[in-house]
Amino acid sequence: VCFPYYDWEGRLVGSKQRNFAQEKKTGKKSMWYDGDSSKVTWFGINTLSDKATKLILTEGESDTMTFSQVMSQEFGVLGLSGASSAERAIRGSFKQLRKYKVIYLCFDNDDAGIEARDKALALLPPGCARIVVLPGGVKDVNELLLNGRQDEIKRAVDNARPILPRGIVEDDEMVRRAMTYTFDTDRTVQNSTGYEALDSVTGGLTPGRCKGAVS
């Protein structure tokens, strides 16, 4: 099987050849590149739709095609040629990746995939990344598709939560915290303001913030 790789200008830079029949016989991967492998970044660049507003970054050609088959046109999909190429691929595509406000990360559920995910999180713009968590015991999304579990792929993407910088929370979480603080009648009043109604809303004065008594 031949997997073509294109650059962001639409030029064919090379292809990965994979002999699945040989792999079945030997139990080992049989693959090689034709062309300049140093120019290879993402599989699927040539298939990205202008309609896509969200992006899924995954690992391997099979997973890329799986996501493209299962998800709607709202999602663009790009796949690494291998987990070890994550940093190089992202650094070489900053300009193109920045156009997507939401980027989903779903690499293989193994040590190499986890390492690639962590590198991607460190490089992507803060707040845009979401981690797709696969069901336990599953290596990748292609495994789910082959076992007729494509609905679980959609569910995993829907359930992906944003990874935000420390100290930053989403709007709905901020509202929840504010409502809890306001209506938690069991909250201990630290230092009374002298007004019971005000104490019930604010929790009283926080030590160190206000000196002196309120008259």
Protein backbone atom coordinates (compact mmCIF):
# COMPACT_ATOMS: atom_id res chain seq x y z
CA VAL A 1 0.00 0.00 0.00
CA CYS A 2 1.25 3.48 -0.90
CA PHE A 3 0.47 6.48 1.32
CA PRO A 4 1.24 9.80 -0.44
CA TYR A 5 2.52 12.76 1.55
CA TYR A 6 2.08 16.36 0.40
CA ASP A 7 3.43 19.65 1.68
CA TRP A 8 1.31 22.72 2.48
CA GLU A 9 1.83 24.02 -1.05
CA GLY A 10 0.12 20.93 -2.50
CA ARG A 11 3.32 19.32 -3.80
CA LEU A 12 3.92 15.59 -3.50
CA VAL A 13 7.08 15.24 -1.38
CA GLY A 14 7.17 11.47 -0.98
CA SER A 15 5.26 8.37 -0.05
CA LYS A 16 5.34 5.67 2.57
CA GLN A 17 5.24 2.14 1.18
CA ARG A 18 3.94 -0.61 3.42
CA ASN A 19 3.88 -4.34 2.71
CA PHE A 20 1.04 -5.75 4.82
CA ALA A 21 1.41 -9.25 3.36
CA GLN A 22 5.03 -9.35 4.51
CA GLU A 23 4.05 -8.04 7.93
CA LYS A 24 1.47 -10.81 8.28
CA LYS A 25 4.13 -13.43 7.54
CA THR A 26 6.87 -12.05 9.78
CA GLY A 27 4.91 -10.26 12.49
CA LYS A 28 7.15 -7.22 11.95
CA LYS A 29 6.43 -3.92 10.25
CA SER A 30 7.64 -3.69 6.65
CA MET A 31 7.72 -0.10 5.42
CA TRP A 32 9.95 2.36 3.61
CA TYR A 33 9.83 5.84 2.08
CA ASP A 34 10.12 6.90 -1.54
CA GLY A 35 11.20 10.50 -1.79
CA ASP A 36 12.69 12.86 0.80
CA SER A 37 11.41 11.69 4.21
CA SER A 38 12.85 14.82 5.87
CA LYS A 39 10.11 16.88 4.15
CA VAL A 40 7.30 14.64 5.40
CA THR A 41 5.07 16.31 8.00
CA TRP A 42 1.40 15.29 8.00
CA PHE A 43 -0.55 12.64 6.14
CA GLY A 44 -3.81 14.08 4.79
CA ILE A 45 -2.76 17.67 4.04
CA ASN A 46 -4.08 17.31 0.48
CA THR A 47 -7.54 16.25 1.71
CA LEU A 48 -8.21 19.08 4.20
CA SER A 49 -11.51 20.80 3.47
CA ASP A 50 -12.09 24.54 3.67
CA LYS A 51 -15.30 23.67 5.53
CA ALA A 52 -13.35 22.23 8.47
CA THR A 53 -13.40 24.46 11.55
CA LYS A 54 -11.90 21.92 13.94
CA LEU A 55 -8.82 19.76 13.55
CA ILE A 56 -7.92 16.27 14.72
CA LEU A 57 -4.24 15.38 14.99
CA THR A 58 -3.65 11.66 15.14
CA GLU A 59 -0.94 9.08 14.51
CA GLY A 60 -0.57 6.87 11.46
CA GLU A 61 -2.29 6.69 8.11
CA SER A 62 -4.95 4.16 9.19
CA ASP A 63 -6.12 6.33 12.08
CA THR A 64 -6.18 9.39 9.82
CA MET A 65 -8.43 7.63 7.32
CA THR A 66 -10.59 6.26 10.17
CA PHE A 67 -11.31 9.72 11.55
CA SER A 68 -11.94 11.06 8.04
CA GLN A 69 -14.48 8.31 7.46
CA VAL A 70 -16.28 8.58 10.80
CA MET A 71 -16.32 12.31 11.56
CA SER A 72 -18.26 15.04 9.73
CA GLN A 73 -16.76 17.62 7.38
CA GLU A 74 -16.59 19.99 10.33
CA PHE A 75 -13.42 18.12 11.30
CA GLY A 76 -10.18 18.20 9.37
CA VAL A 77 -7.79 15.31 10.06
CA LEU A 78 -4.00 15.13 9.90
CA GLY A 79 -1.84 12.15 10.85
CA LEU A 80 1.77 11.80 11.88
CA SER A 81 3.88 9.33 9.93
CA GLY A 82 5.09 8.16 13.36
CA ALA A 83 4.92 9.35 16.98
CA SER A 84 8.57 10.45 16.92
CA SER A 85 7.81 13.08 14.25
CA ALA A 86 5.31 15.02 16.39
CA GLU A 87 7.57 17.92 17.35
CA ARG A 88 9.00 18.42 13.85
CA ALA A 89 5.57 18.22 12.22
CA ILE A 90 3.99 20.76 14.57
CA ARG A 91 6.90 23.21 14.45
CA GLY A 92 6.79 23.07 10.67
CA SER A 93 3.05 23.78 10.56
CA PHE A 94 2.45 26.56 13.11
CA LYS A 95 1.00 28.94 10.53
CA GLN A 96 -1.52 26.38 9.26
CA LEU A 97 -2.49 24.97 12.65
CA ARG A 98 -3.19 28.39 14.18
CA LYS A 99 -6.28 28.85 12.01
CA TYR A 100 -8.11 26.18 14.03
CA LYS A 101 -9.51 27.31 17.37
CA VAL A 102 -10.03 23.72 18.53
CA ILE A 103 -7.46 20.96 17.97
CA TYR A 104 -8.13 17.40 19.14
CA LEU A 105 -5.18 15.15 19.97
CA CYS A 106 -5.62 11.40 19.60
CA PHE A 107 -2.36 9.49 19.32
CA ASP A 108 -1.80 5.80 19.95
CA ASN A 109 -2.53 4.60 23.46
CA ASP A 110 1.06 3.55 24.18
CA ASP A 111 4.22 5.13 25.60
CA ALA A 112 5.29 6.63 22.26
CA GLY A 113 1.82 8.05 21.64
CA ILE A 114 1.64 9.58 25.12
CA GLU A 115 5.06 11.19 24.64
CA ALA A 116 3.95 12.62 21.27
CA ARG A 117 0.77 13.98 22.87
CA ASP A 118 2.73 15.73 25.62
CA LYS A 119 5.08 17.32 23.07
CA ALA A 120 2.10 18.52 21.07
CA LEU A 121 0.48 20.06 24.17
CA ALA A 122 3.66 21.97 24.92
CA LEU A 123 3.82 23.42 21.40
CA LEU A 124 0.21 24.21 20.53
CA PRO A 125 -1.36 27.59 21.44
CA PRO A 126 -2.68 27.57 25.05
CA GLY A 127 -6.32 26.61 25.43
CA CYS A 128 -6.93 25.20 21.94
CA ALA A 129 -6.01 21.54 22.57
CA ARG A 130 -8.41 18.80 23.65
CA ILE A 131 -7.39 15.26 24.57
CA VAL A 132 -9.42 12.43 23.06
CA VAL A 133 -9.44 9.55 25.56
CA LEU A 134 -9.98 6.12 24.02
CA PRO A 135 -11.73 3.27 25.85
CA GLY A 136 -9.49 1.13 28.03
CA GLY A 137 -7.60 -1.65 26.30
CA VAL A 138 -7.85 -0.01 22.85
CA LYS A 139 -4.64 0.94 21.03
CA ASP A 140 -6.06 3.31 18.41
CA VAL A 141 -9.24 4.45 16.65
CA ASN A 142 -8.72 2.13 13.70
CA GLU A 143 -9.08 -0.79 16.10
CA LEU A 144 -12.46 0.60 17.16
CA LEU A 145 -13.59 0.96 13.54
CA LEU A 146 -12.53 -2.57 12.60
CA ASN A 147 -14.60 -3.88 15.51
CA GLY A 148 -17.71 -1.91 14.53
CA ARG A 149 -17.36 0.57 17.39
CA GLN A 150 -17.35 3.79 15.37
CA ASP A 151 -19.97 5.35 17.64
CA GLU A 152 -17.40 5.19 20.45
CA ILE A 153 -15.01 7.23 18.31
CA LYS A 154 -17.57 10.03 17.96
CA ARG A 155 -18.37 9.83 21.67
CA ALA A 156 -14.70 10.09 22.63
CA VAL A 157 -14.32 13.23 20.50
CA ASP A 158 -17.53 14.75 21.93
CA ASN A 159 -16.31 14.07 25.48
CA ALA A 160 -12.84 15.55 24.93
CA ARG A 161 -12.22 18.39 27.35
CA PRO A 162 -9.96 21.40 26.72
CA ILE A 163 -6.53 21.52 28.32
CA LEU A 164 -6.27 25.02 29.76
CA PRO A 165 -3.29 26.84 31.28
CA ARG A 166 -3.11 26.71 35.07
CA GLY A 167 -5.50 29.19 36.70
CA ILE A 168 -7.79 29.53 33.67
CA VAL A 169 -11.26 27.97 33.66
CA GLU A 170 -14.07 27.71 31.11
CA ASP A 171 -17.12 29.99 31.24
CA ASP A 172 -19.48 27.29 32.50
CA GLU A 173 -17.05 26.30 35.25
CA MET A 174 -16.67 29.93 36.35
CA VAL A 175 -20.46 30.29 36.55
CA ARG A 176 -20.70 27.07 38.56
CA ARG A 177 -18.08 28.28 41.04
CA ALA A 178 -19.75 31.67 41.40
CA MET A 179 -23.17 30.12 41.99
CA THR A 180 -21.76 27.68 44.53
CA TYR A 181 -19.99 30.48 46.36
CA THR A 182 -23.06 32.73 46.37
CA PHE A 183 -25.64 30.19 47.50
CA ASP A 184 -23.53 28.04 49.83
CA THR A 185 -25.28 28.97 53.07
CA ASP A 186 -23.04 26.63 55.07
CA ARG A 187 -19.91 28.57 54.11
CA THR A 188 -18.03 29.78 57.18
CA VAL A 189 -17.90 33.54 57.60
CA GLN A 190 -14.25 34.49 58.15
CA ASN A 191 -14.50 38.05 59.50
CA SER A 192 -17.88 39.69 59.69
CA THR A 193 -18.43 42.93 57.82
CA GLY A 194 -21.01 43.84 60.43
CA TYR A 195 -23.86 43.24 57.99
CA GLU A 196 -25.43 39.79 58.04
CA ALA A 197 -26.81 40.04 54.47
CA LEU A 198 -23.41 41.08 53.12
CA ASP A 199 -21.68 38.30 55.05
CA SER A 200 -24.04 35.72 53.51
CA VAL A 201 -23.02 36.78 50.00
CA THR A 202 -19.30 37.49 50.41
CA GLY A 203 -18.36 35.12 53.20
CA GLY A 204 -17.05 38.03 55.18
CA LEU A 205 -13.72 39.79 54.96
CA THR A 206 -10.68 37.73 54.08
CA PRO A 207 -7.81 38.27 56.57
CA GLY A 208 -5.06 40.42 55.09
CA ARG A 209 -7.23 42.06 52.47
CA CYS A 210 -8.81 44.76 54.57
CA LYS A 211 -7.40 46.39 57.65
CA GLY A 212 -9.56 47.88 60.31
CA ALA A 213 -13.21 47.39 61.13
CA VAL A 214 -16.20 48.20 59.01
CA SER A 215 -18.42 50.78 60.65
